[in-house]
Amino acid sequence: MSDLGQSSRKGMLTAAVVALLLAGGVQAQAAPMGDMPGMSDKAGPESGKQQTASATGTVAAVNAGQHKVTFDHQPIPAINWPAMHMEFPAAASVDLSKVKPGEKVKFTLSGSKGSYTVQSITPAQ
């Protein structure tokens, strides 16, 4: 076989491998939260309904411009979540100017199916 034929086959094989990798990457990005290790889309018996859950954690970051807060939180049994580092949008009523990174806090979330908003943040006792 000529060098040109081998080169062409290698090129096609490389293109096929790249296409398969890209297709797999798209599927991974589109995976629902319930597919993450330790996570569940089932937030208790009423998974499709609005849920409220209380949690504790440490403030990791505050993004006042986007009105979001990041927590290193403990497990949240009410919505079947393990401990993790996660950013949440905060309700307009939450005053993020009073929240500082490093603070240990209690917070309340509301939402459904893996999409939750912080409704309140108070200092942990």
Protein backbone atom coordinates (compact mmCIF):
# COMPACT_ATOMS: atom_id res chain seq x y z
CA MET A 1 0.00 0.00 0.00
CA SER A 2 1.31 3.48 -0.76
CA ASP A 3 2.20 6.07 1.86
CA LEU A 4 -0.64 8.22 0.54
CA GLY A 5 -3.20 5.46 1.21
CA GLN A 6 -1.93 4.88 4.75
CA SER A 7 -1.90 8.59 5.49
CA SER A 8 -5.47 8.94 4.26
CA ARG A 9 -6.65 6.03 6.44
CA LYS A 10 -4.90 7.45 9.52
CA GLY A 11 -6.59 10.78 8.87
CA MET A 12 -10.02 9.16 8.62
CA LEU A 13 -9.40 7.11 11.77
CA THR A 14 -8.31 10.22 13.68
CA ALA A 15 -11.41 12.10 12.49
CA ALA A 16 -13.66 9.22 13.58
CA VAL A 17 -12.06 9.06 17.05
CA VAL A 18 -12.40 12.83 17.49
CA ALA A 19 -16.06 12.68 16.43
CA LEU A 20 -16.78 9.90 18.95
CA LEU A 21 -15.04 11.79 21.75
CA LEU A 22 -16.95 14.97 20.98
CA ALA A 23 -20.26 13.11 20.88
CA GLY A 24 -19.53 11.55 24.27
CA GLY A 25 -18.61 14.94 25.71
CA VAL A 26 -21.90 16.44 24.61
CA GLN A 27 -23.80 13.63 26.33
CA ALA A 28 -21.85 14.11 29.55
CA GLN A 29 -22.57 17.84 29.60
CA ALA A 30 -26.27 17.25 29.08
CA ALA A 31 -26.52 14.67 31.89
CA PRO A 32 -29.10 15.55 34.55
CA MET A 33 -28.02 16.29 38.11
CA GLY A 34 -29.38 12.93 39.24
CA ASP A 35 -26.65 11.23 37.21
CA MET A 36 -23.93 12.86 39.31
CA PRO A 37 -22.41 10.58 41.98
CA GLY A 38 -24.40 10.88 45.21
CA MET A 39 -27.04 13.09 43.62
CA SER A 40 -30.68 12.35 42.96
CA ASP A 41 -33.34 14.09 40.89
CA LYS A 42 -35.79 12.65 43.40
CA ALA A 43 -36.06 15.21 46.16
CA GLY A 44 -38.19 13.04 48.38
CA PRO A 45 -41.67 11.76 47.61
CA GLU A 46 -42.78 15.00 45.92
CA SER A 47 -39.91 15.41 43.43
CA GLY A 48 -41.94 17.43 40.92
CA LYS A 49 -43.26 19.86 43.51
CA GLN A 50 -41.62 22.87 45.10
CA GLN A 51 -39.38 21.78 48.00
CA THR A 52 -37.83 23.73 50.86
CA ALA A 53 -34.70 22.47 52.59
CA SER A 54 -32.47 23.82 55.33
CA ALA A 55 -28.72 23.32 55.28
CA THR A 56 -25.49 24.35 56.95
CA GLY A 57 -22.16 25.17 55.41
CA THR A 58 -19.37 27.64 54.90
CA VAL A 59 -19.60 30.54 52.47
CA ALA A 60 -16.94 29.96 49.81
CA ALA A 61 -17.68 32.97 47.58
CA VAL A 62 -20.17 35.76 47.03
CA ASN A 63 -20.93 37.13 43.57
CA ALA A 64 -22.97 40.26 44.31
CA GLY A 65 -23.06 41.27 40.64
CA GLN A 66 -24.91 38.10 39.66
CA HIS A 67 -26.60 37.79 43.08
CA LYS A 68 -25.15 34.31 43.69
CA VAL A 69 -23.45 32.63 46.63
CA THR A 70 -21.21 29.56 46.73
CA PHE A 71 -21.27 27.21 49.71
CA ASP A 72 -19.25 24.24 50.90
CA HIS A 73 -22.33 22.63 52.41
CA GLN A 74 -23.05 19.59 54.53
CA PRO A 75 -25.35 16.82 53.21
CA ILE A 76 -28.93 17.97 52.63
CA PRO A 77 -31.06 14.88 53.34
CA ALA A 78 -34.38 16.59 52.51
CA ILE A 79 -33.34 16.74 48.83
CA ASN A 80 -30.99 13.73 48.81
CA TRP A 81 -27.80 15.75 48.23
CA PRO A 82 -24.36 14.83 49.58
CA ALA A 83 -21.95 17.41 50.98
CA MET A 84 -20.45 19.47 48.15
CA HIS A 85 -19.18 22.82 46.87
CA MET A 86 -21.97 24.54 44.94
CA GLU A 87 -23.07 27.95 43.68
CA PHE A 88 -26.71 29.02 44.06
CA PRO A 89 -28.70 32.02 42.91
CA ALA A 90 -30.06 34.03 45.82
CA ALA A 91 -33.58 35.42 46.08
CA ALA A 92 -33.82 39.20 45.68
CA SER A 93 -34.72 39.46 49.38
CA VAL A 94 -31.33 37.99 50.46
CA ASP A 95 -28.85 40.76 51.38
CA LEU A 96 -25.54 39.39 50.09
CA SER A 97 -23.64 42.46 51.40
CA LYS A 98 -23.89 40.89 54.87
CA VAL A 99 -22.46 37.54 53.74
CA LYS A 100 -18.68 37.04 53.80
CA PRO A 101 -16.51 34.17 52.53
CA GLY A 102 -15.36 31.92 55.36
CA GLU A 103 -18.52 32.43 57.46
CA LYS A 104 -20.31 29.35 58.79
CA VAL A 105 -24.00 29.74 58.01
CA LYS A 106 -27.41 28.14 57.98
CA PHE A 107 -29.35 28.65 54.76
CA THR A 108 -32.69 27.75 53.27
CA LEU A 109 -33.22 26.60 49.69
CA SER A 110 -36.41 26.32 47.69
CA GLY A 111 -36.96 24.82 44.27
CA SER A 112 -37.46 21.52 42.52
CA LYS A 113 -35.71 18.94 40.33
CA GLY A 114 -32.17 20.08 41.10
CA SER A 115 -32.78 23.81 40.60
CA TYR A 116 -32.74 25.62 43.94
CA THR A 117 -32.56 29.25 45.07
CA VAL A 118 -31.27 30.51 48.43
CA GLN A 119 -34.16 32.07 50.35
CA SER A 120 -32.33 32.97 53.56
CA ILE A 121 -28.83 32.99 55.09
CA THR A 122 -28.15 33.33 58.82
CA PRO A 123 -25.01 32.90 60.92
CA ALA A 124 -24.56 29.36 62.27
CA GLN A 125 -24.78 29.10 66.05
